[in-house]
Amino acid sequence: MTPSAAAQPNSFSPTLSPLPAGSRFRASRRDWLALALLMFPVLLVAVDNTALTFALPAIASALDTSGVQLLWIVDAYPLVLAGLLVAMGSLGDRIGRRRLLIIGSIGFAAVSAATAFAPSAGWLIAGRAALGFFGAMLMPSTLSLIRNIFPDPNRRRLAIAVWAAGFSGGAALGPIFGGWLVEQFWWGAVLLVAVPIMLPLLVLGPAFIPESRDPSPGKVDAPSILLSLFTMAPVVYGIKEFATEGPGGAALGTMAFGVAMGVVFVRRQQRLHSPLLDISLFRNRVFSMAITANILALFSFNGFILFLAQHLQLIEGMSPSAAGMAMIPALVATVIAGLAAVPAVRKVRPGFVVAAGLAMSATGYSLVTFGSHAGGPSLLLAALLILALGVGTAETISNDLILGSAPPEKSGAAAAISETGYEVGALLGTAVLGSILTASYQHNLRLPAGITDAAPTAGTAQAGETLAGAVEMAARLPQPMADAVRLAAAAAFDSGVHITAAIGLVLMATAAVLAAVVLRKVPKADS
C-alpha cells in the first residue's frame, strides 16, 4: 500500500487495510464486552439452524402435519433468510447496524415466543418465515459491528475467530440442546429459548455496543430489496427441489426465474447512485477469492456431514444423539483451528494460511475417497476431524479478508455477502452432493434375489430410493435376508460416498491452489 493510501483507512484496497503509521487502537474491556453481547444472537441463530431438526417428529405428531407442511416448516426460514441477507446488510449501513441488530433481536424473540405456541402447521410455517425476516438482520449486523468495534486488524482477526467459534459452538450444541429440550418439555421449547438468550443483548446492548453506519448513506431502494429477495429465494428453493425431486420443471423454472431476477438486480445496482449492493466490491480479487473460499469450504463441509450423519445412524446403528456426540470433537476442532489461525497470520501470509486450511480439508476428503469404510466409523470421523481443522482455519481468515478488504462504511454489505456465502455454500453442499449421493445409491443398489417375494412392492421401491428406506424394509424381513439387504444398501451407499468425497477433494484442492495464487500478495499481519 502506498503512504497516501495508508492515510485513508476508508479506501478500497486489494489487501488488508493496515492502520495508519504510528497509531494503535487498543481494544478496551468495553469492546470485549460488546463482543460478548454480540455472541448471543450468533449462538441463537446457530442453535436454531440445527436444533429444530430434532423437534420435527414431535411437531408432526402434535400438529398433524403433512409431508409438504413439514418440508415448509424447515424451508421457510432459510428461504426468507437467504433472500434478505444482502438487503438487510445494506440497510444496516444506512440506518445503523446496532439499531438494526436491536430491531432484529426484539422481532426474533417476540416471533419465537409466539411461534412456540403455534396451534397449527400454517401458523408455524408463517412464524418460521418471520424468523427468517428478523434473522436476516442479526448475522450481518454482528459481523459488520465487529469490523467497526475493532479497527486494529490483529484484534479484529481475534474477534472474528471468536465470532466463528460461537457459530460453530452453537451448531454443535444445537442437536444435543434441541433433543434435550424436546425430551424434557415440548417441541415449542426449542423456539421459546430465544427469549432468555436475547435478553442480555436487549438490556445491555444499547449501552455497550457502539453504533456505526455509512456516514453518507443513500436512499433505501425498495425495488432492489424485492429483486434481491426474488433472486435468492427462488434459487434456494430450486436447488432444494432439484435435490429432492430431480431436474423437473419446478426446480429448473424457479432457478431460471431467480437467475433472471439476479441479472435485473445487478443491472439496477450499476445504474443507481446509491446502490443496495456495491457491485464494485467484487472487483477486488481478495474479496472475491475470500467469498469463493467461504462457499467452497461450506459446500464440502456440509456435504460431508450429510453423508456422515446417515452412515453413523443407518449403517453403524447409532442413535441421533449418539451420532451428534460423535461429531462434537470435530466441531470443537473447528473452533480451536479458528483461534489458532489468528497468531499464524503474523508469521505466514494470510493467503497461504487460507490455502493450507483448504488443503487440509482436501486431505480429509482424500481419506474418504481412497479409504475403506468397512472397519467402522473411525476412518470417517478422523476424516471429519481433519476437514474441520481445515475449514476452521480457512473460514476465520477468509472472513477477515472479506471485511478487511472492504471500506468500513460498506462493512454491512460485505458482512451480508459473507453470510450469503455461508448460506449458499451450506445449501449447495447438502443439495448437490446429496443428490449425487442419492443418484449413485439408486444406480448401484443390488437387492438380493427373492426379495420381492419376501417384501411388498412398496417396500422394495422405498428401499431403492434411499438408504433409510432399505434399513426400514430390512427391519421387517427375517434373517438372514435382512442382513443381506443391509449389506447391499451399505455397499451402494458407500459407492456414492466415494464419488461425493472425490468431488469434495477436487474442489478443496482447486480452491487451495487458487487461494495461494490470488491471495499471495496479502501481507502478513503486524505483530
Protein backbone atom coordinates (compact mmCIF):
# COMPACT_ATOMS: atom_id res chain seq x y z
CA MET A 1 0.00 0.00 0.00
CA THR A 2 1.32 3.48 -0.78
CA PRO A 3 1.69 6.05 2.02
CA SER A 4 -1.16 8.10 0.61
CA ALA A 5 -3.45 5.07 0.56
CA ALA A 6 -2.44 4.12 4.07
CA ALA A 7 -3.50 7.52 5.26
CA GLN A 8 -7.02 6.85 4.04
CA PRO A 9 -8.49 3.98 6.08
CA ASN A 10 -11.76 4.10 4.13
CA SER A 11 -10.16 3.46 0.76
CA PHE A 12 -10.94 0.24 -1.06
CA SER A 13 -7.68 -1.65 -1.38
CA PRO A 14 -6.90 -5.17 -2.58
CA THR A 15 -5.16 -6.03 0.69
CA LEU A 16 -5.97 -6.00 4.36
CA SER A 17 -6.19 -2.35 5.40
CA PRO A 18 -3.40 -1.61 7.88
CA LEU A 19 -3.66 1.13 10.46
CA PRO A 20 -2.07 4.49 9.84
CA ALA A 21 1.61 4.61 10.77
CA GLY A 22 2.24 5.25 14.45
CA SER A 23 -1.33 4.59 15.55
CA ARG A 24 -2.57 1.63 17.57
CA PHE A 25 -6.17 1.03 18.57
CA ARG A 26 -6.16 -0.96 21.79
CA ALA A 27 -9.39 -2.81 22.47
CA SER A 28 -10.88 -1.90 25.84
CA ARG A 29 -12.86 -4.03 28.23
CA ARG A 30 -15.94 -2.28 26.87
CA ASP A 31 -15.08 -3.52 23.37
CA TRP A 32 -14.69 -7.12 24.54
CA LEU A 33 -17.95 -6.85 26.48
CA ALA A 34 -19.61 -5.63 23.28
CA LEU A 35 -18.21 -8.70 21.51
CA ALA A 36 -19.57 -10.96 24.26
CA LEU A 37 -23.03 -9.41 23.81
CA LEU A 38 -22.83 -9.94 20.04
CA MET A 39 -22.28 -13.65 20.66
CA PHE A 40 -25.82 -14.13 21.97
CA PRO A 41 -27.56 -13.66 18.58
CA VAL A 42 -24.76 -15.63 16.89
CA LEU A 43 -25.31 -18.59 19.24
CA LEU A 44 -29.07 -18.30 18.85
CA VAL A 45 -29.04 -18.40 15.06
CA ALA A 46 -26.53 -21.28 15.02
CA VAL A 47 -28.51 -23.32 17.55
CA ASP A 48 -31.80 -22.54 15.78
CA ASN A 49 -30.39 -23.84 12.48
CA THR A 50 -29.76 -27.33 13.88
CA ALA A 51 -31.97 -27.75 16.95
CA LEU A 52 -35.30 -27.76 15.12
CA THR A 53 -34.37 -30.94 13.25
CA PHE A 54 -34.77 -32.96 16.44
CA ALA A 55 -38.19 -31.40 17.12
CA LEU A 56 -39.69 -32.35 13.75
CA PRO A 57 -41.10 -35.75 14.83
CA ALA A 58 -42.77 -34.13 17.83
CA ILE A 59 -44.10 -31.29 15.65
CA ALA A 60 -45.51 -33.76 13.12
CA SER A 61 -47.29 -35.65 15.89
CA ALA A 62 -48.60 -32.61 17.77
CA LEU A 63 -49.81 -30.58 14.77
CA ASP A 64 -50.76 -33.48 12.48
CA THR A 65 -48.67 -32.06 9.64
CA SER A 66 -48.49 -33.39 6.12
CA GLY A 67 -45.19 -34.15 4.43
CA VAL A 68 -45.39 -30.93 2.41
CA GLN A 69 -46.13 -28.86 5.51
CA LEU A 70 -43.20 -30.44 7.36
CA LEU A 71 -40.93 -29.54 4.44
CA TRP A 72 -42.10 -25.91 4.53
CA ILE A 73 -41.60 -25.74 8.30
CA VAL A 74 -37.94 -26.48 7.61
CA ASP A 75 -37.56 -24.44 4.40
CA ALA A 76 -39.49 -21.25 5.20
CA TYR A 77 -36.73 -19.92 7.45
CA PRO A 78 -33.69 -20.33 5.14
CA LEU A 79 -35.64 -19.19 2.06
CA VAL A 80 -36.53 -15.81 3.60
CA LEU A 81 -33.17 -15.53 5.38
CA ALA A 82 -31.11 -16.10 2.22
CA GLY A 83 -33.31 -13.75 0.22
CA LEU A 84 -32.92 -10.81 2.59
CA LEU A 85 -29.32 -11.04 3.88
CA VAL A 86 -27.88 -8.64 1.30
CA ALA A 87 -30.77 -6.21 1.68
CA MET A 88 -30.53 -6.18 5.48
CA GLY A 89 -26.76 -5.77 5.44
CA SER A 90 -27.03 -2.71 3.25
CA LEU A 91 -29.97 -1.41 5.31
CA GLY A 92 -27.78 -1.61 8.42
CA ASP A 93 -25.16 0.53 6.67
CA ARG A 94 -27.84 3.17 6.17
CA ILE A 95 -29.91 3.22 9.37
CA GLY A 96 -27.26 1.95 11.81
CA ARG A 97 -26.02 -1.57 12.41
CA ARG A 98 -26.73 -1.59 16.15
CA ARG A 99 -30.23 -0.26 15.54
CA LEU A 100 -30.92 -3.00 13.01
CA LEU A 101 -29.48 -5.61 15.40
CA ILE A 102 -31.75 -4.48 18.23
CA ILE A 103 -34.80 -4.39 15.96
CA GLY A 104 -33.97 -7.87 14.68
CA SER A 105 -33.40 -9.19 18.21
CA ILE A 106 -36.72 -7.86 19.50
CA GLY A 107 -38.54 -9.24 16.48
CA PHE A 108 -36.79 -12.61 16.64
CA ALA A 109 -37.55 -13.05 20.36
CA ALA A 110 -41.19 -11.96 20.00
CA VAL A 111 -41.88 -14.15 16.96
CA SER A 112 -40.11 -17.12 18.59
CA ALA A 113 -42.33 -16.80 21.68
CA ALA A 114 -45.48 -16.62 19.54
CA THR A 115 -44.43 -19.46 17.25
CA ALA A 116 -43.58 -21.74 20.19
CA PHE A 117 -47.32 -21.98 20.90
CA ALA A 118 -48.41 -22.36 17.26
CA PRO A 119 -51.79 -24.12 17.14
CA SER A 120 -51.41 -25.29 13.55
CA ALA A 121 -48.83 -26.09 10.90
CA GLY A 122 -49.80 -22.98 8.91
CA TRP A 123 -49.13 -20.78 11.93
CA LEU A 124 -45.75 -22.46 12.44
CA ILE A 125 -44.76 -22.02 8.78
CA ALA A 126 -45.66 -18.32 8.93
CA GLY A 127 -43.69 -17.98 12.15
CA ARG A 128 -40.63 -19.62 10.61
CA ALA A 129 -40.80 -17.23 7.65
CA ALA A 130 -40.99 -14.26 10.05
CA LEU A 131 -37.98 -15.65 11.94
CA GLY A 132 -36.09 -15.67 8.64
CA PHE A 133 -37.02 -11.99 8.15
CA PHE A 134 -35.68 -10.93 11.55
CA GLY A 135 -32.80 -13.44 11.44
CA ALA A 136 -31.51 -11.72 8.30
CA MET A 137 -31.00 -8.60 10.44
CA LEU A 138 -28.84 -10.39 13.02
CA MET A 139 -25.83 -12.07 11.43
CA PRO A 140 -24.66 -9.31 9.04
CA SER A 141 -25.11 -6.78 11.86
CA THR A 142 -22.91 -8.73 14.27
CA LEU A 143 -20.09 -9.21 11.77
CA SER A 144 -20.14 -5.62 10.49
CA LEU A 145 -20.20 -4.24 14.06
CA ILE A 146 -17.10 -6.30 14.82
CA ARG A 147 -15.41 -4.63 11.84
CA ASN A 148 -16.05 -1.21 13.38
CA ILE A 149 -15.54 -2.05 17.07
CA PHE A 150 -12.08 -3.49 16.35
CA PRO A 151 -10.26 -1.25 13.83
CA ASP A 152 -6.94 -2.91 14.66
CA PRO A 153 -6.53 -5.83 12.21
CA ASN A 154 -4.99 -8.21 14.79
CA ARG A 155 -7.74 -7.70 17.35
CA ARG A 156 -10.38 -7.77 14.64
CA ARG A 157 -8.99 -11.09 13.46
CA LEU A 158 -9.24 -12.49 17.00
CA ALA A 159 -12.77 -11.12 17.36
CA ILE A 160 -13.79 -12.79 14.08
CA ALA A 161 -12.26 -16.06 15.33
CA VAL A 162 -14.41 -15.76 18.48
CA TRP A 163 -17.44 -14.98 16.27
CA ALA A 164 -16.76 -18.08 14.15
CA ALA A 165 -16.20 -20.14 17.31
CA GLY A 166 -19.60 -19.04 18.60
CA PHE A 167 -21.23 -20.05 15.35
CA SER A 168 -19.51 -23.46 15.33
CA GLY A 169 -20.22 -23.99 19.02
CA GLY A 170 -23.88 -23.19 18.50
CA ALA A 171 -24.07 -25.63 15.60
CA ALA A 172 -22.53 -28.32 17.81
CA LEU A 173 -24.88 -27.62 20.71
CA GLY A 174 -28.00 -27.45 18.54
CA PRO A 175 -28.71 -31.17 18.10
CA ILE A 176 -27.93 -32.02 21.73
CA PHE A 177 -29.71 -29.00 23.17
CA GLY A 178 -32.71 -29.41 20.87
CA GLY A 179 -33.07 -33.10 21.68
CA TRP A 180 -32.89 -32.43 25.41
CA LEU A 181 -35.49 -29.66 25.28
CA VAL A 182 -37.94 -31.82 23.34
CA GLU A 183 -37.45 -34.73 25.74
CA GLN A 184 -37.79 -32.61 28.89
CA PHE A 185 -40.52 -30.18 27.79
CA TRP A 186 -42.22 -29.99 24.37
CA TRP A 187 -41.28 -29.03 20.83
CA GLY A 188 -42.08 -25.35 21.40
CA ALA A 189 -39.29 -25.05 23.96
CA VAL A 190 -36.79 -25.14 21.09
CA LEU A 191 -38.24 -21.83 19.87
CA LEU A 192 -39.13 -20.32 23.25
CA VAL A 193 -35.50 -20.47 24.41
CA ALA A 194 -34.76 -17.49 22.12
CA VAL A 195 -36.33 -15.13 24.66
CA PRO A 196 -33.85 -15.63 27.55
CA ILE A 197 -30.91 -15.85 25.12
CA MET A 198 -31.74 -12.42 23.65
CA LEU A 199 -32.35 -10.65 26.98
CA PRO A 200 -28.68 -9.76 27.78
CA LEU A 201 -28.27 -8.17 24.34
CA LEU A 202 -31.51 -6.21 24.60
CA VAL A 203 -30.75 -4.95 28.11
CA LEU A 204 -27.03 -4.15 27.78
CA GLY A 205 -26.52 -3.80 24.03
CA PRO A 206 -27.65 -0.16 23.65
CA ALA A 207 -25.21 0.89 26.40
CA PHE A 208 -22.12 -1.10 25.44
CA ILE A 209 -22.31 -1.69 21.66
CA PRO A 210 -21.32 1.45 19.73
CA GLU A 211 -23.47 2.48 16.80
CA SER A 212 -21.94 2.59 13.33
CA ARG A 213 -23.29 3.39 9.87
CA ASP A 214 -22.27 4.67 6.48
CA PRO A 215 -21.52 8.39 7.02
CA SER A 216 -23.02 9.26 3.63
CA PRO A 217 -25.96 6.88 3.22
CA GLY A 218 -28.11 6.95 0.14
CA LYS A 219 -31.81 6.30 -0.13
CA VAL A 220 -33.17 2.82 0.55
CA ASP A 221 -34.21 1.43 -2.84
CA ALA A 222 -37.30 -0.72 -2.26
CA PRO A 223 -37.26 -2.33 -5.75
CA SER A 224 -33.70 -3.52 -5.11
CA ILE A 225 -34.80 -5.19 -1.88
CA LEU A 226 -37.59 -7.01 -3.71
CA LEU A 227 -35.23 -8.00 -6.52
CA SER A 228 -32.70 -9.43 -4.03
CA LEU A 229 -35.48 -11.48 -2.44
CA PHE A 230 -36.76 -12.65 -5.83
CA THR A 231 -33.20 -13.61 -6.75
CA MET A 232 -32.09 -15.64 -3.75
CA ALA A 233 -35.35 -17.26 -2.59
CA PRO A 234 -36.24 -18.92 -5.95
CA VAL A 235 -32.65 -20.10 -6.46
CA VAL A 236 -32.53 -21.60 -2.96
CA TYR A 237 -35.94 -23.22 -3.43
CA GLY A 238 -34.99 -24.53 -6.87
CA ILE A 239 -31.83 -26.13 -5.54
CA LYS A 240 -33.77 -27.83 -2.75
CA GLU A 241 -36.42 -29.01 -5.22
CA PHE A 242 -33.73 -30.30 -7.58
CA ALA A 243 -32.13 -32.27 -4.74
CA THR A 244 -35.37 -33.88 -3.60
CA GLU A 245 -37.37 -34.28 -6.82
CA GLY A 246 -34.73 -34.22 -9.55
CA PRO A 247 -34.39 -31.89 -12.57
CA GLY A 248 -38.09 -31.26 -13.11
CA GLY A 249 -39.91 -28.21 -14.39
CA ALA A 250 -40.49 -26.74 -10.92
CA ALA A 251 -36.81 -26.88 -9.96
CA LEU A 252 -35.43 -25.59 -13.25
CA GLY A 253 -38.16 -22.97 -13.66
CA THR A 254 -37.70 -21.42 -10.22
CA MET A 255 -33.90 -21.37 -10.57
CA ALA A 256 -34.20 -19.75 -14.02
CA PHE A 257 -36.54 -17.14 -12.59
CA GLY A 258 -34.11 -16.42 -9.74
CA VAL A 259 -31.18 -16.06 -12.15
CA ALA A 260 -33.21 -13.70 -14.36
CA MET A 261 -34.10 -11.56 -11.35
CA GLY A 262 -30.42 -11.59 -10.37
CA VAL A 263 -29.45 -10.15 -13.74
CA VAL A 264 -32.06 -7.40 -13.34
CA PHE A 265 -30.81 -6.76 -9.79
CA VAL A 266 -27.18 -6.37 -10.90
CA ARG A 267 -28.08 -4.05 -13.77
CA ARG A 268 -30.16 -1.88 -11.45
CA GLN A 269 -27.31 -1.64 -8.93
CA GLN A 270 -24.96 -0.49 -11.68
CA ARG A 271 -27.34 2.36 -12.59
CA LEU A 272 -28.17 3.60 -9.07
CA HIS A 273 -26.22 6.43 -7.47
CA SER A 274 -26.57 4.71 -4.06
CA PRO A 275 -26.98 1.01 -4.83
CA LEU A 276 -28.26 -1.50 -2.32
CA LEU A 277 -25.21 -3.64 -3.13
CA ASP A 278 -22.00 -2.05 -4.32
CA ILE A 279 -21.02 -4.36 -7.20
CA SER A 280 -17.55 -2.79 -7.20
CA LEU A 281 -16.79 -4.86 -4.07
CA PHE A 282 -16.39 -7.87 -6.34
CA ARG A 283 -13.74 -6.14 -8.42
CA ASN A 284 -11.37 -6.64 -5.52
CA ARG A 285 -9.67 -10.01 -6.12
CA VAL A 286 -9.07 -10.55 -2.39
CA PHE A 287 -12.74 -10.00 -1.60
CA SER A 288 -13.98 -12.26 -4.40
CA MET A 289 -11.49 -15.04 -3.66
CA ALA A 290 -12.31 -14.99 0.05
CA ILE A 291 -16.04 -15.27 -0.74
CA THR A 292 -15.29 -18.19 -3.09
CA ALA A 293 -13.23 -19.91 -0.39
CA ASN A 294 -16.14 -19.49 2.05
CA ILE A 295 -18.67 -21.01 -0.35
CA LEU A 296 -16.49 -23.98 -1.33
CA ALA A 297 -15.44 -24.73 2.26
CA LEU A 298 -19.06 -24.75 3.49
CA PHE A 299 -20.13 -26.69 0.39
CA SER A 300 -17.72 -29.51 1.18
CA PHE A 301 -18.17 -29.43 4.95
CA ASN A 302 -21.98 -29.65 4.89
CA GLY A 303 -21.89 -32.29 2.17
CA PHE A 304 -19.57 -34.37 4.33
CA ILE A 305 -21.78 -34.06 7.42
CA LEU A 306 -24.80 -35.06 5.31
CA PHE A 307 -23.47 -38.48 4.38
CA LEU A 308 -21.63 -38.99 7.70
CA ALA A 309 -24.85 -38.49 9.68
CA GLN A 310 -26.61 -41.11 7.56
CA HIS A 311 -23.67 -43.52 7.81
CA LEU A 312 -23.48 -43.27 11.61
CA GLN A 313 -27.21 -43.73 12.15
CA LEU A 314 -28.26 -46.10 9.38
CA ILE A 315 -25.15 -48.22 8.83
CA GLU A 316 -23.45 -48.07 12.24
CA GLY A 317 -26.78 -48.13 14.10
CA MET A 318 -26.14 -45.07 16.31
CA SER A 319 -28.98 -43.05 17.77
CA PRO A 320 -29.32 -39.42 16.59
CA SER A 321 -27.93 -38.10 19.88
CA ALA A 322 -25.02 -40.55 19.83
CA ALA A 323 -24.23 -39.56 16.22
CA GLY A 324 -24.30 -35.90 17.24
CA MET A 325 -21.98 -36.58 20.16
CA ALA A 326 -19.56 -38.41 17.85
CA MET A 327 -19.25 -35.27 15.71
CA ILE A 328 -18.56 -32.89 18.59
CA PRO A 329 -14.74 -33.40 18.65
CA ALA A 330 -14.58 -32.27 15.02
CA LEU A 331 -16.77 -29.23 15.67
CA VAL A 332 -14.59 -28.33 18.68
CA ALA A 333 -11.58 -28.69 16.37
CA THR A 334 -13.17 -26.09 14.09
CA VAL A 335 -13.22 -23.63 16.99
CA ILE A 336 -9.62 -24.38 18.02
CA ALA A 337 -8.34 -24.09 14.46
CA GLY A 338 -10.03 -20.73 14.01
CA LEU A 339 -8.42 -19.33 17.15
CA ALA A 340 -5.03 -20.79 16.24
CA ALA A 341 -5.16 -19.16 12.80
CA VAL A 342 -5.05 -15.68 14.37
CA PRO A 343 -1.38 -15.77 15.52
CA ALA A 344 -0.43 -17.83 12.44
CA VAL A 345 -1.01 -14.91 10.06
CA ARG A 346 1.65 -12.91 11.91
CA LYS A 347 4.29 -15.32 10.63
CA VAL A 348 2.70 -16.57 7.40
CA ARG A 349 0.86 -14.60 4.73
CA PRO A 350 -2.93 -14.90 5.21
CA GLY A 351 -3.42 -16.26 1.69
CA PHE A 352 -1.14 -19.20 2.44
CA VAL A 353 -2.96 -19.85 5.73
CA VAL A 354 -6.27 -19.99 3.85
CA ALA A 355 -4.69 -22.25 1.23
CA ALA A 356 -3.26 -24.53 3.94
CA GLY A 357 -6.69 -24.83 5.56
CA LEU A 358 -8.31 -25.74 2.25
CA ALA A 359 -5.51 -28.24 1.54
CA MET A 360 -6.11 -29.81 4.96
CA SER A 361 -9.78 -30.17 4.08
CA ALA A 362 -8.75 -31.85 0.82
CA THR A 363 -6.64 -34.27 2.87
CA GLY A 364 -9.68 -35.19 4.94
CA TYR A 365 -11.66 -35.90 1.79
CA SER A 366 -8.80 -37.98 0.36
CA LEU A 367 -9.07 -40.35 3.33
CA VAL A 368 -12.70 -40.99 2.44
CA THR A 369 -12.07 -41.19 -1.31
CA PHE A 370 -9.30 -43.78 -1.12
CA GLY A 371 -10.03 -45.46 2.23
CA SER A 372 -12.27 -48.36 3.20
CA HIS A 373 -15.40 -47.71 5.26
CA ALA A 374 -15.87 -51.33 6.29
CA GLY A 375 -13.95 -51.03 9.55
CA GLY A 376 -16.48 -48.92 11.41
CA PRO A 377 -16.84 -45.15 11.73
CA SER A 378 -13.26 -44.39 12.87
CA LEU A 379 -11.92 -43.50 9.41
CA LEU A 380 -14.85 -41.20 8.60
CA LEU A 381 -14.67 -39.48 11.98
CA ALA A 382 -10.91 -38.99 11.58
CA ALA A 383 -11.52 -37.51 8.13
CA LEU A 384 -14.17 -35.19 9.57
CA LEU A 385 -11.70 -34.04 12.23
CA ILE A 386 -9.08 -33.14 9.60
CA LEU A 387 -11.70 -31.48 7.42
CA ALA A 388 -12.96 -29.45 10.39
CA LEU A 389 -9.46 -28.25 11.24
CA GLY A 390 -9.06 -27.05 7.67
CA VAL A 391 -12.46 -25.36 7.49
CA GLY A 392 -11.92 -23.59 10.83
CA THR A 393 -8.59 -22.24 9.65
CA ALA A 394 -9.76 -21.13 6.21
CA GLU A 395 -13.10 -19.64 7.33
CA THR A 396 -11.66 -17.43 10.05
CA ILE A 397 -9.03 -15.82 7.84
CA SER A 398 -11.23 -15.59 4.74
CA ASN A 399 -13.91 -13.76 6.76
CA ASP A 400 -11.25 -11.34 8.00
CA LEU A 401 -10.07 -10.81 4.43
CA ILE A 402 -13.64 -10.08 3.33
CA LEU A 403 -14.15 -7.41 5.99
CA GLY A 404 -10.61 -6.05 5.81
CA SER A 405 -10.66 -5.57 2.05
CA ALA A 406 -13.93 -3.62 2.08
CA PRO A 407 -14.15 0.02 3.20
CA PRO A 408 -15.57 0.42 6.74
CA GLU A 409 -18.69 2.26 5.53
CA LYS A 410 -19.54 -0.80 3.40
CA SER A 411 -18.90 -3.35 6.16
CA GLY A 412 -22.61 -4.19 6.47
CA ALA A 413 -22.87 -5.06 2.79
CA ALA A 414 -19.59 -7.02 2.94
CA ALA A 415 -20.76 -8.94 6.01
CA ALA A 416 -24.09 -9.69 4.34
CA ILE A 417 -22.32 -11.07 1.27
CA SER A 418 -20.14 -13.20 3.55
CA GLU A 419 -23.24 -14.53 5.32
CA THR A 420 -24.92 -15.21 1.99
CA GLY A 421 -21.83 -17.19 1.03
CA TYR A 422 -22.29 -19.25 4.20
CA GLU A 423 -25.93 -19.96 3.37
CA VAL A 424 -25.34 -20.71 -0.31
CA GLY A 425 -22.32 -22.92 0.38
CA ALA A 426 -24.16 -24.91 3.05
CA LEU A 427 -27.24 -25.26 0.86
CA LEU A 428 -25.30 -26.31 -2.24
CA GLY A 429 -23.30 -28.85 -0.25
CA THR A 430 -26.45 -30.50 1.03
CA ALA A 431 -28.41 -30.25 -2.22
CA VAL A 432 -25.79 -31.00 -4.88
CA LEU A 433 -23.70 -33.59 -3.06
CA GLY A 434 -26.85 -35.04 -1.53
CA SER A 435 -28.48 -35.52 -4.93
CA ILE A 436 -25.30 -37.09 -6.34
CA LEU A 437 -25.11 -39.42 -3.34
CA THR A 438 -28.75 -40.43 -3.77
CA ALA A 439 -28.38 -40.99 -7.52
CA SER A 440 -25.30 -43.16 -7.01
CA TYR A 441 -27.07 -45.18 -4.32
CA GLN A 442 -30.07 -45.81 -6.56
CA HIS A 443 -27.87 -46.78 -9.52
CA ASN A 444 -25.65 -49.18 -7.57
CA LEU A 445 -28.18 -50.86 -5.26
CA ARG A 446 -28.42 -54.60 -5.93
CA LEU A 447 -31.03 -56.20 -3.70
CA PRO A 448 -30.65 -59.96 -3.08
CA ALA A 449 -32.58 -62.41 -5.20
CA GLY A 450 -36.02 -63.32 -3.90
CA ILE A 451 -36.53 -60.06 -2.03
CA THR A 452 -39.69 -59.23 -3.97
CA ASP A 453 -41.29 -62.44 -2.70
CA ALA A 454 -40.50 -61.60 0.93
CA ALA A 455 -41.40 -57.88 0.87
CA PRO A 456 -44.25 -55.89 -0.67
CA THR A 457 -43.60 -53.92 -3.86
CA ALA A 458 -43.93 -50.63 -1.98
CA GLY A 459 -41.18 -51.74 0.41
CA THR A 460 -38.73 -52.62 -2.36
CA ALA A 461 -39.48 -49.34 -4.12
CA GLN A 462 -38.78 -47.45 -0.90
CA ALA A 463 -35.54 -49.36 -0.41
CA GLY A 464 -34.48 -48.45 -3.92
CA GLU A 465 -34.97 -44.74 -3.21
CA THR A 466 -32.95 -44.15 -0.02
CA LEU A 467 -30.70 -45.88 2.48
CA ALA A 468 -33.26 -45.13 5.20
CA GLY A 469 -35.92 -46.94 3.16
CA ALA A 470 -33.68 -50.01 2.83
CA VAL A 471 -32.94 -50.09 6.56
CA GLU A 472 -36.65 -49.75 7.35
CA MET A 473 -37.52 -52.60 4.98
CA ALA A 474 -34.76 -54.81 6.41
CA ALA A 475 -36.27 -54.39 9.88
CA ARG A 476 -39.40 -56.20 8.63
CA LEU A 477 -37.55 -59.10 7.00
CA PRO A 478 -36.43 -62.40 8.51
CA GLN A 479 -32.79 -63.30 8.93
CA PRO A 480 -30.51 -63.77 7.01
CA MET A 481 -32.32 -61.81 4.28
CA ALA A 482 -32.40 -58.69 6.46
CA ASP A 483 -28.62 -58.74 6.79
CA ALA A 484 -28.25 -59.23 3.04
CA VAL A 485 -30.42 -56.16 2.36
CA ARG A 486 -28.42 -54.06 4.83
CA LEU A 487 -25.12 -55.12 3.28
CA ALA A 488 -26.36 -54.36 -0.25
CA ALA A 489 -27.67 -50.96 0.83
CA ALA A 490 -24.45 -50.12 2.69
CA ALA A 491 -22.35 -51.07 -0.36
CA ALA A 492 -24.49 -48.91 -2.65
CA PHE A 493 -24.36 -46.01 -0.22
CA ASP A 494 -20.58 -46.25 0.17
CA SER A 495 -20.18 -46.12 -3.60
CA GLY A 496 -21.92 -42.75 -3.53
CA VAL A 497 -19.80 -41.61 -0.60
CA HIS A 498 -16.61 -42.33 -2.58
CA ILE A 499 -17.95 -40.25 -5.51
CA THR A 500 -19.03 -37.27 -3.40
CA ALA A 501 -15.77 -37.41 -1.45
CA ALA A 502 -13.82 -37.31 -4.71
CA ILE A 503 -15.79 -34.23 -5.76
CA GLY A 504 -15.02 -32.60 -2.41
CA LEU A 505 -11.34 -33.48 -2.79
CA VAL A 506 -11.14 -31.87 -6.23
CA LEU A 507 -12.99 -28.74 -5.09
CA MET A 508 -10.85 -28.27 -1.98
CA ALA A 509 -7.58 -28.89 -3.82
CA THR A 510 -8.58 -26.45 -6.57
CA ALA A 511 -9.65 -23.83 -4.03
CA ALA A 512 -6.33 -24.24 -2.17
CA VAL A 513 -4.32 -23.57 -5.33
CA LEU A 514 -6.48 -20.57 -6.28
CA ALA A 515 -6.21 -19.10 -2.77
CA ALA A 516 -2.43 -19.47 -2.78
CA VAL A 517 -2.16 -17.72 -6.15
CA VAL A 518 -4.79 -14.97 -5.80
CA LEU A 519 -4.11 -14.10 -2.15
CA ARG A 520 -0.32 -14.47 -2.22
CA LYS A 521 0.32 -10.71 -2.05
CA VAL A 522 -1.78 -10.05 1.04
CA PRO A 523 0.80 -9.01 3.67
CA LYS A 524 1.39 -10.75 6.97
CA ALA A 525 -0.34 -9.25 9.98
CA ASP A 526 1.59 -6.81 12.16
CA SER A 527 2.98 -8.33 15.35
